[in-house]
Amino acid sequence: MLMAHPAVLEELLRRYDELRAQQGEGGDGVARGLEDVSYTLCVSTGTREIAAALVAAREQLRRPATRRNTPVVPV
């Protein structure tokens, strides 16, 4: 599976948290933005639900950089 660059995941998580904080205040624009960033997080992490995507993204960012950047070779 391809893995998103850590900087991309960090930005997606930042935007997700920001939009969640604005939810209920910003109308359709915030709702659409949250839908978009949720979808992108799911695609970027290979998941189908935002809860799983958030866990996967945060776990990937917790891994040491050397392990994160090591290509995975199927056996």
PDB file of N, CA and C in Angstrom:
ATOM      1  N   MET A   1       0.842  -1.183   0.000  1.00  0.00           N
ATOM      2  CA  MET A   1       0.000   0.000   0.000  1.00  0.00           C
ATOM      3  C   MET A   1       0.884   1.242   0.000  1.00  0.00           C
ATOM      4  N   LEU A   2       0.520   2.202  -0.789  1.00  0.00           N
ATOM      5  CA  LEU A   2       1.221   3.480  -0.781  1.00  0.00           C
ATOM      6  C   LEU A   2       0.889   4.208   0.517  1.00  0.00           C
ATOM      7  N   MET A   3       1.860   4.947   1.010  1.00  0.00           N
ATOM      8  CA  MET A   3       1.639   5.691   2.249  1.00  0.00           C
ATOM      9  C   MET A   3       1.815   7.174   1.970  1.00  0.00           C
ATOM     10  N   ALA A   4       0.921   7.963   2.522  1.00  0.00           N
ATOM     11  CA  ALA A   4       0.994   9.414   2.365  1.00  0.00           C
ATOM     12  C   ALA A   4       2.223   9.954   3.091  1.00  0.00           C
ATOM     13  N   HIS A   5       2.766  11.019   2.569  1.00  0.00           N
ATOM     14  CA  HIS A   5       3.902  11.682   3.214  1.00  0.00           C
ATOM     15  C   HIS A   5       3.439  12.206   4.573  1.00  0.00           C
ATOM     16  N   PRO A   6       4.280  12.118   5.589  1.00  0.00           N
ATOM     17  CA  PRO A   6       3.892  12.587   6.926  1.00  0.00           C
ATOM     18  C   PRO A   6       3.401  14.037   6.947  1.00  0.00           C
ATOM     19  N   ALA A   7       3.999  14.900   6.151  1.00  0.00           N
ATOM     20  CA  ALA A   7       3.560  16.303   6.129  1.00  0.00           C
ATOM     21  C   ALA A   7       2.128  16.414   5.610  1.00  0.00           C
ATOM     22  N   VAL A   8       1.771  15.564   4.659  1.00  0.00           N
ATOM     23  CA  VAL A   8       0.405  15.564   4.124  1.00  0.00           C
ATOM     24  C   VAL A   8      -0.561  15.113   5.212  1.00  0.00           C
ATOM     25  N   LEU A   9      -0.223  14.044   5.911  1.00  0.00           N
ATOM     26  CA  LEU A   9      -1.091  13.558   6.988  1.00  0.00           C
ATOM     27  C   LEU A   9      -1.239  14.595   8.095  1.00  0.00           C
ATOM     28  N   GLU A  10      -0.144  15.240   8.443  1.00  0.00           N
ATOM     29  CA  GLU A  10      -0.215  16.280   9.478  1.00  0.00           C
ATOM     30  C   GLU A  10      -1.170  17.395   9.071  1.00  0.00           C
ATOM     31  N   GLU A  11      -1.090  17.828   7.816  1.00  0.00           N
ATOM     32  CA  GLU A  11      -1.963  18.891   7.324  1.00  0.00           C
ATOM     33  C   GLU A  11      -3.420  18.433   7.297  1.00  0.00           C
ATOM     34  N   LEU A  12      -3.660  17.217   6.853  1.00  0.00           N
ATOM     35  CA  LEU A  12      -5.032  16.700   6.833  1.00  0.00           C
ATOM     36  C   LEU A  12      -5.613  16.618   8.245  1.00  0.00           C
ATOM     37  N   LEU A  13      -4.825  16.135   9.189  1.00  0.00           N
ATOM     38  CA  LEU A  13      -5.296  16.056  10.579  1.00  0.00           C
ATOM     39  C   LEU A  13      -5.545  17.441  11.155  1.00  0.00           C
ATOM     40  N   ARG A  14      -4.679  18.399  10.829  1.00  0.00           N
ATOM     41  CA  ARG A  14      -4.863  19.772  11.306  1.00  0.00           C
ATOM     42  C   ARG A  14      -6.164  20.346  10.749  1.00  0.00           C
ATOM     43  N   ARG A  15      -6.390  20.171   9.437  1.00  0.00           N
ATOM     44  CA  ARG A  15      -7.616  20.683   8.815  1.00  0.00           C
ATOM     45  C   ARG A  15      -8.853  19.992   9.368  1.00  0.00           C
ATOM     46  N   TYR A  16      -8.765  18.683   9.577  1.00  0.00           N
ATOM     47  CA  TYR A  16      -9.893  17.944  10.134  1.00  0.00           C
ATOM     48  C   TYR A  16     -10.254  18.498  11.518  1.00  0.00           C
ATOM     49  N   ASP A  17      -9.258  18.647  12.387  1.00  0.00           N
ATOM     50  CA  ASP A  17      -9.502  19.164  13.743  1.00  0.00           C
ATOM     51  C   ASP A  17     -10.072  20.578  13.708  1.00  0.00           C
ATOM     52  N   GLU A  18      -9.537  21.401  12.814  1.00  0.00           N
ATOM     53  CA  GLU A  18     -10.010  22.781  12.672  1.00  0.00           C
ATOM     54  C   GLU A  18     -11.474  22.814  12.230  1.00  0.00           C
ATOM     55  N   LEU A  19     -11.807  22.017  11.246  1.00  0.00           N
ATOM     56  CA  LEU A  19     -13.184  21.987  10.744  1.00  0.00           C
ATOM     57  C   LEU A  19     -14.149  21.386  11.765  1.00  0.00           C
ATOM     58  N   ARG A  20     -13.699  20.386  12.499  1.00  0.00           N
ATOM     59  CA  ARG A  20     -14.549  19.815  13.552  1.00  0.00           C
ATOM     60  C   ARG A  20     -14.872  20.872  14.615  1.00  0.00           C
ATOM     61  N   ALA A  21     -13.892  21.703  14.928  1.00  0.00           N
ATOM     62  CA  ALA A  21     -14.101  22.761  15.916  1.00  0.00           C
ATOM     63  C   ALA A  21     -15.101  23.798  15.412  1.00  0.00           C
ATOM     64  N   GLN A  22     -15.163  23.990  14.099  1.00  0.00           N
ATOM     65  CA  GLN A  22     -16.070  24.970  13.499  1.00  0.00           C
ATOM     66  C   GLN A  22     -17.435  24.379  13.170  1.00  0.00           C
ATOM     67  N   GLN A  23     -17.569  23.071  13.287  1.00  0.00           N
ATOM     68  CA  GLN A  23     -18.810  22.404  12.897  1.00  0.00           C
ATOM     69  C   GLN A  23     -19.986  23.013  13.660  1.00  0.00           C
ATOM     70  N   GLY A  24     -21.052  23.310  12.951  1.00  0.00           N
ATOM     71  CA  GLY A  24     -22.228  23.914  13.556  1.00  0.00           C
ATOM     72  C   GLY A  24     -22.217  25.430  13.469  1.00  0.00           C
ATOM     73  N   GLU A  25     -21.071  26.009  13.177  1.00  0.00           N
ATOM     74  CA  GLU A  25     -20.953  27.462  13.084  1.00  0.00           C
ATOM     75  C   GLU A  25     -20.900  27.953  11.644  1.00  0.00           C
ATOM     76  N   GLY A  26     -20.319  27.149  10.765  1.00  0.00           N
ATOM     77  CA  GLY A  26     -19.991  27.634   9.435  1.00  0.00           C
ATOM     78  C   GLY A  26     -20.914  27.228   8.322  1.00  0.00           C
ATOM     79  N   GLY A  27     -21.974  26.538   8.612  1.00  0.00           N
ATOM     80  CA  GLY A  27     -22.915  26.171   7.567  1.00  0.00           C
ATOM     81  C   GLY A  27     -22.377  25.148   6.597  1.00  0.00           C
ATOM     82  N   ASP A  28     -22.820  25.280   5.342  1.00  0.00           N
ATOM     83  CA  ASP A  28     -22.505  24.295   4.315  1.00  0.00           C
ATOM     84  C   ASP A  28     -21.021  24.233   3.969  1.00  0.00           C
ATOM     85  N   GLY A  29     -20.335  25.361   4.026  1.00  0.00           N
ATOM     86  CA  GLY A  29     -18.911  25.381   3.676  1.00  0.00           C
ATOM     87  C   GLY A  29     -18.084  24.525   4.611  1.00  0.00           C
ATOM     88  N   VAL A  30     -18.366  24.617   5.890  1.00  0.00           N
ATOM     89  CA  VAL A  30     -17.636  23.812   6.873  1.00  0.00           C
ATOM     90  C   VAL A  30     -18.008  22.346   6.708  1.00  0.00           C
ATOM     91  N   ALA A  31     -19.284  22.063   6.533  1.00  0.00           N
ATOM     92  CA  ALA A  31     -19.724  20.677   6.370  1.00  0.00           C
ATOM     93  C   ALA A  31     -19.085  20.049   5.141  1.00  0.00           C
ATOM     94  N   ARG A  32     -19.035  20.792   4.044  1.00  0.00           N
ATOM     95  CA  ARG A  32     -18.431  20.277   2.813  1.00  0.00           C
ATOM     96  C   ARG A  32     -16.931  20.084   2.990  1.00  0.00           C
ATOM     97  N   GLY A  33     -16.276  21.032   3.638  1.00  0.00           N
ATOM     98  CA  GLY A  33     -14.841  20.909   3.892  1.00  0.00           C
ATOM     99  C   GLY A  33     -14.531  19.702   4.759  1.00  0.00           C
ATOM    100  N   LEU A  34     -15.358  19.467   5.770  1.00  0.00           N
ATOM    101  CA  LEU A  34     -15.167  18.317   6.650  1.00  0.00           C
ATOM    102  C   LEU A  34     -15.383  17.014   5.888  1.00  0.00           C
ATOM    103  N   GLU A  35     -16.364  17.009   5.016  1.00  0.00           N
ATOM    104  CA  GLU A  35     -16.607  15.825   4.184  1.00  0.00           C
ATOM    105  C   GLU A  35     -15.413  15.563   3.272  1.00  0.00           C
ATOM    106  N   ASP A  36     -14.886  16.612   2.669  1.00  0.00           N
ATOM    107  CA  ASP A  36     -13.739  16.475   1.761  1.00  0.00           C
ATOM    108  C   ASP A  36     -12.487  15.979   2.476  1.00  0.00           C
ATOM    109  N   VAL A  37     -12.176  16.586   3.606  1.00  0.00           N
ATOM    110  CA  VAL A  37     -10.959  16.190   4.318  1.00  0.00           C
ATOM    111  C   VAL A  37     -11.119  14.789   4.910  1.00  0.00           C
ATOM    112  N   SER A  38     -12.317  14.427   5.312  1.00  0.00           N
ATOM    113  CA  SER A  38     -12.558  13.072   5.816  1.00  0.00           C
ATOM    114  C   SER A  38     -12.326  12.045   4.718  1.00  0.00           C
ATOM    115  N   TYR A  39     -12.859  12.325   3.534  1.00  0.00           N
ATOM    116  CA  TYR A  39     -12.662  11.439   2.393  1.00  0.00           C
ATOM    117  C   TYR A  39     -11.168  11.302   2.074  1.00  0.00           C
ATOM    118  N   THR A  40     -10.463  12.422   2.044  1.00  0.00           N
ATOM    119  CA  THR A  40      -9.039  12.407   1.710  1.00  0.00           C
ATOM    120  C   THR A  40      -8.239  11.635   2.754  1.00  0.00           C
ATOM    121  N   LEU A  41      -8.590  11.780   4.022  1.00  0.00           N
ATOM    122  CA  LEU A  41      -7.922  11.004   5.073  1.00  0.00           C
ATOM    123  C   LEU A  41      -8.160   9.509   4.875  1.00  0.00           C
ATOM    124  N   CYS A  42      -9.384   9.144   4.537  1.00  0.00           N
ATOM    125  CA  CYS A  42      -9.686   7.724   4.308  1.00  0.00           C
ATOM    126  C   CYS A  42      -8.877   7.177   3.134  1.00  0.00           C
ATOM    127  N   VAL A  43      -8.844   7.907   2.041  1.00  0.00           N
ATOM    128  CA  VAL A  43      -8.084   7.466   0.871  1.00  0.00           C
ATOM    129  C   VAL A  43      -6.595   7.394   1.204  1.00  0.00           C
ATOM    130  N   SER A  44      -6.101   8.381   1.925  1.00  0.00           N
ATOM    131  CA  SER A  44      -4.670   8.451   2.249  1.00  0.00           C
ATOM    132  C   SER A  44      -4.217   7.347   3.188  1.00  0.00           C
ATOM    133  N   THR A  45      -5.145   6.801   3.963  1.00  0.00           N
ATOM    134  CA  THR A  45      -4.790   5.766   4.933  1.00  0.00           C
ATOM    135  C   THR A  45      -5.299   4.385   4.541  1.00  0.00           C
ATOM    136  N   GLY A  46      -6.025   4.292   3.436  1.00  0.00           N
ATOM    137  CA  GLY A  46      -6.542   3.005   3.000  1.00  0.00           C
ATOM    138  C   GLY A  46      -7.661   2.479   3.872  1.00  0.00           C
ATOM    139  N   THR A  47      -8.455   3.387   4.435  1.00  0.00           N
ATOM    140  CA  THR A  47      -9.557   2.993   5.307  1.00  0.00           C
ATOM    141  C   THR A  47     -10.879   3.444   4.697  1.00  0.00           C
ATOM    142  N   ARG A  48     -11.974   3.039   5.334  1.00  0.00           N
ATOM    143  CA  ARG A  48     -13.295   3.394   4.812  1.00  0.00           C
ATOM    144  C   ARG A  48     -14.113   4.257   5.753  1.00  0.00           C
ATOM    145  N   GLU A  49     -13.663   4.411   6.973  1.00  0.00           N
ATOM    146  CA  GLU A  49     -14.383   5.214   7.963  1.00  0.00           C
ATOM    147  C   GLU A  49     -13.420   6.207   8.590  1.00  0.00           C
ATOM    148  N   ILE A  50     -13.935   7.390   8.904  1.00  0.00           N
ATOM    149  CA  ILE A  50     -13.065   8.448   9.417  1.00  0.00           C
ATOM    150  C   ILE A  50     -12.408   8.058  10.738  1.00  0.00           C
ATOM    151  N   ALA A  51     -13.106   7.347  11.591  1.00  0.00           N
ATOM    152  CA  ALA A  51     -12.501   6.947  12.873  1.00  0.00           C
ATOM    153  C   ALA A  51     -11.258   6.090  12.639  1.00  0.00           C
ATOM    154  N   ALA A  52     -11.359   5.148  11.724  1.00  0.00           N
ATOM    155  CA  ALA A  52     -10.213   4.294  11.401  1.00  0.00           C
ATOM    156  C   ALA A  52      -9.111   5.100  10.716  1.00  0.00           C
ATOM    157  N   ALA A  53      -9.500   6.054   9.881  1.00  0.00           N
ATOM    158  CA  ALA A  53      -8.520   6.893   9.193  1.00  0.00           C
ATOM    159  C   ALA A  53      -7.726   7.734  10.183  1.00  0.00           C
ATOM    160  N   LEU A  54      -8.406   8.283  11.173  1.00  0.00           N
ATOM    161  CA  LEU A  54      -7.720   9.096  12.182  1.00  0.00           C
ATOM    162  C   LEU A  54      -6.723   8.255  12.970  1.00  0.00           C
ATOM    163  N   VAL A  55      -7.132   7.062  13.355  1.00  0.00           N
ATOM    164  CA  VAL A  55      -6.227   6.166  14.090  1.00  0.00           C
ATOM    165  C   VAL A  55      -5.030   5.807  13.220  1.00  0.00           C
ATOM    166  N   ALA A  56      -5.281   5.439  11.968  1.00  0.00           N
ATOM    167  CA  ALA A  56      -4.197   5.040  11.068  1.00  0.00           C
ATOM    168  C   ALA A  56      -3.229   6.192  10.812  1.00  0.00           C
ATOM    169  N   ALA A  57      -3.754   7.390  10.585  1.00  0.00           N
ATOM    170  CA  ALA A  57      -2.887   8.547  10.317  1.00  0.00           C
ATOM    171  C   ALA A  57      -2.028   8.869  11.532  1.00  0.00           C
ATOM    172  N   ARG A  58      -2.641   8.873  12.688  1.00  0.00           N
ATOM    173  CA  ARG A  58      -1.879   9.192  13.914  1.00  0.00           C
ATOM    174  C   ARG A  58      -0.839   8.117  14.210  1.00  0.00           C
ATOM    175  N   GLU A  59      -1.185   6.869  13.953  1.00  0.00           N
ATOM    176  CA  GLU A  59      -0.229   5.780  14.167  1.00  0.00           C
ATOM    177  C   GLU A  59       0.949   5.905  13.201  1.00  0.00           C
ATOM    178  N   GLN A  60       0.662   6.219  11.962  1.00  0.00           N
ATOM    179  CA  GLN A  60       1.739   6.385  10.983  1.00  0.00           C
ATOM    180  C   GLN A  60       2.670   7.518  11.404  1.00  0.00           C
ATOM    181  N   LEU A  61       2.112   8.595  11.936  1.00  0.00           N
ATOM    182  CA  LEU A  61       2.944   9.732  12.351  1.00  0.00           C
ATOM    183  C   LEU A  61       3.747   9.419  13.610  1.00  0.00           C
ATOM    184  N   ARG A  62       3.291   8.474  14.414  1.00  0.00           N
ATOM    185  CA  ARG A  62       4.019   8.100  15.631  1.00  0.00           C
ATOM    186  C   ARG A  62       5.230   7.225  15.333  1.00  0.00           C
ATOM    187  N   ARG A  63       5.230   6.555  14.202  1.00  0.00           N
ATOM    188  CA  ARG A  63       6.347   5.671  13.863  1.00  0.00           C
ATOM    189  C   ARG A  63       7.618   6.488  13.660  1.00  0.00           C
ATOM    190  N   PRO A  64       8.748   5.921  14.051  1.00  0.00           N
ATOM    191  CA  PRO A  64      10.010   6.616  13.783  1.00  0.00           C
ATOM    192  C   PRO A  64      10.184   6.845  12.286  1.00  0.00           C
ATOM    193  N   ALA A  65      10.822   7.932  11.938  1.00  0.00           N
ATOM    194  CA  ALA A  65      10.984   8.315  10.530  1.00  0.00           C
ATOM    195  C   ALA A  65      11.675   7.235   9.716  1.00  0.00           C
ATOM    196  N   THR A  66      12.629   6.538  10.294  1.00  0.00           N
ATOM    197  CA  THR A  66      13.342   5.508   9.536  1.00  0.00           C
ATOM    198  C   THR A  66      12.415   4.363   9.168  1.00  0.00           C
ATOM    199  N   ARG A  67      11.529   3.972  10.051  1.00  0.00           N
ATOM    200  CA  ARG A  67      10.570   2.904   9.733  1.00  0.00           C
ATOM    201  C   ARG A  67       9.519   3.398   8.757  1.00  0.00           C
ATOM    202  N   ARG A  68       9.080   4.649   8.911  1.00  0.00           N
ATOM    203  CA  ARG A  68       8.044   5.215   8.047  1.00  0.00           C
ATOM    204  C   ARG A  68       8.504   5.260   6.613  1.00  0.00           C
ATOM    205  N   ASN A  69       9.774   5.564   6.394  1.00  0.00           N
ATOM    206  CA  ASN A  69      10.278   5.781   5.045  1.00  0.00           C
ATOM    207  C   ASN A  69      10.841   4.529   4.403  1.00  0.00           C
ATOM    208  N   THR A  70      10.799   3.417   5.108  1.00  0.00           N
ATOM    209  CA  THR A  70      11.310   2.164   4.562  1.00  0.00           C
ATOM    210  C   THR A  70      10.268   1.560   3.645  1.00  0.00           C
ATOM    211  N   PRO A  71      10.610   1.297   2.393  1.00  0.00           N
ATOM    212  CA  PRO A  71       9.630   0.715   1.491  1.00  0.00           C
ATOM    213  C   PRO A  71       9.214  -0.679   1.956  1.00  0.00           C
ATOM    214  N   VAL A  72       7.963  -0.981   1.764  1.00  0.00           N
ATOM    215  CA  VAL A  72       7.442  -2.294   2.122  1.00  0.00           C
ATOM    216  C   VAL A  72       7.492  -3.160   0.873  1.00  0.00           C
ATOM    217  N   VAL A  73       8.171  -4.285   0.988  1.00  0.00           N
ATOM    218  CA  VAL A  73       8.305  -5.202  -0.139  1.00  0.00           C
ATOM    219  C   VAL A  73       7.455  -6.429   0.148  1.00  0.00           C
ATOM    220  N   PRO A  74       6.466  -6.724  -0.704  1.00  0.00           N
ATOM    221  CA  PRO A  74       5.643  -7.910  -0.465  1.00  0.00           C
ATOM    222  C   PRO A  74       6.466  -9.182  -0.532  1.00  0.00           C
ATOM    223  N   VAL A  75       6.121 -10.124   0.293  1.00  0.00           N
ATOM    224  CA  VAL A  75       6.844 -11.407   0.339  1.00  0.00           C
ATOM    225  C   VAL A  75       6.089 -12.437  -0.444  1.00  0.00           C
TER     226      VAL A  75
END
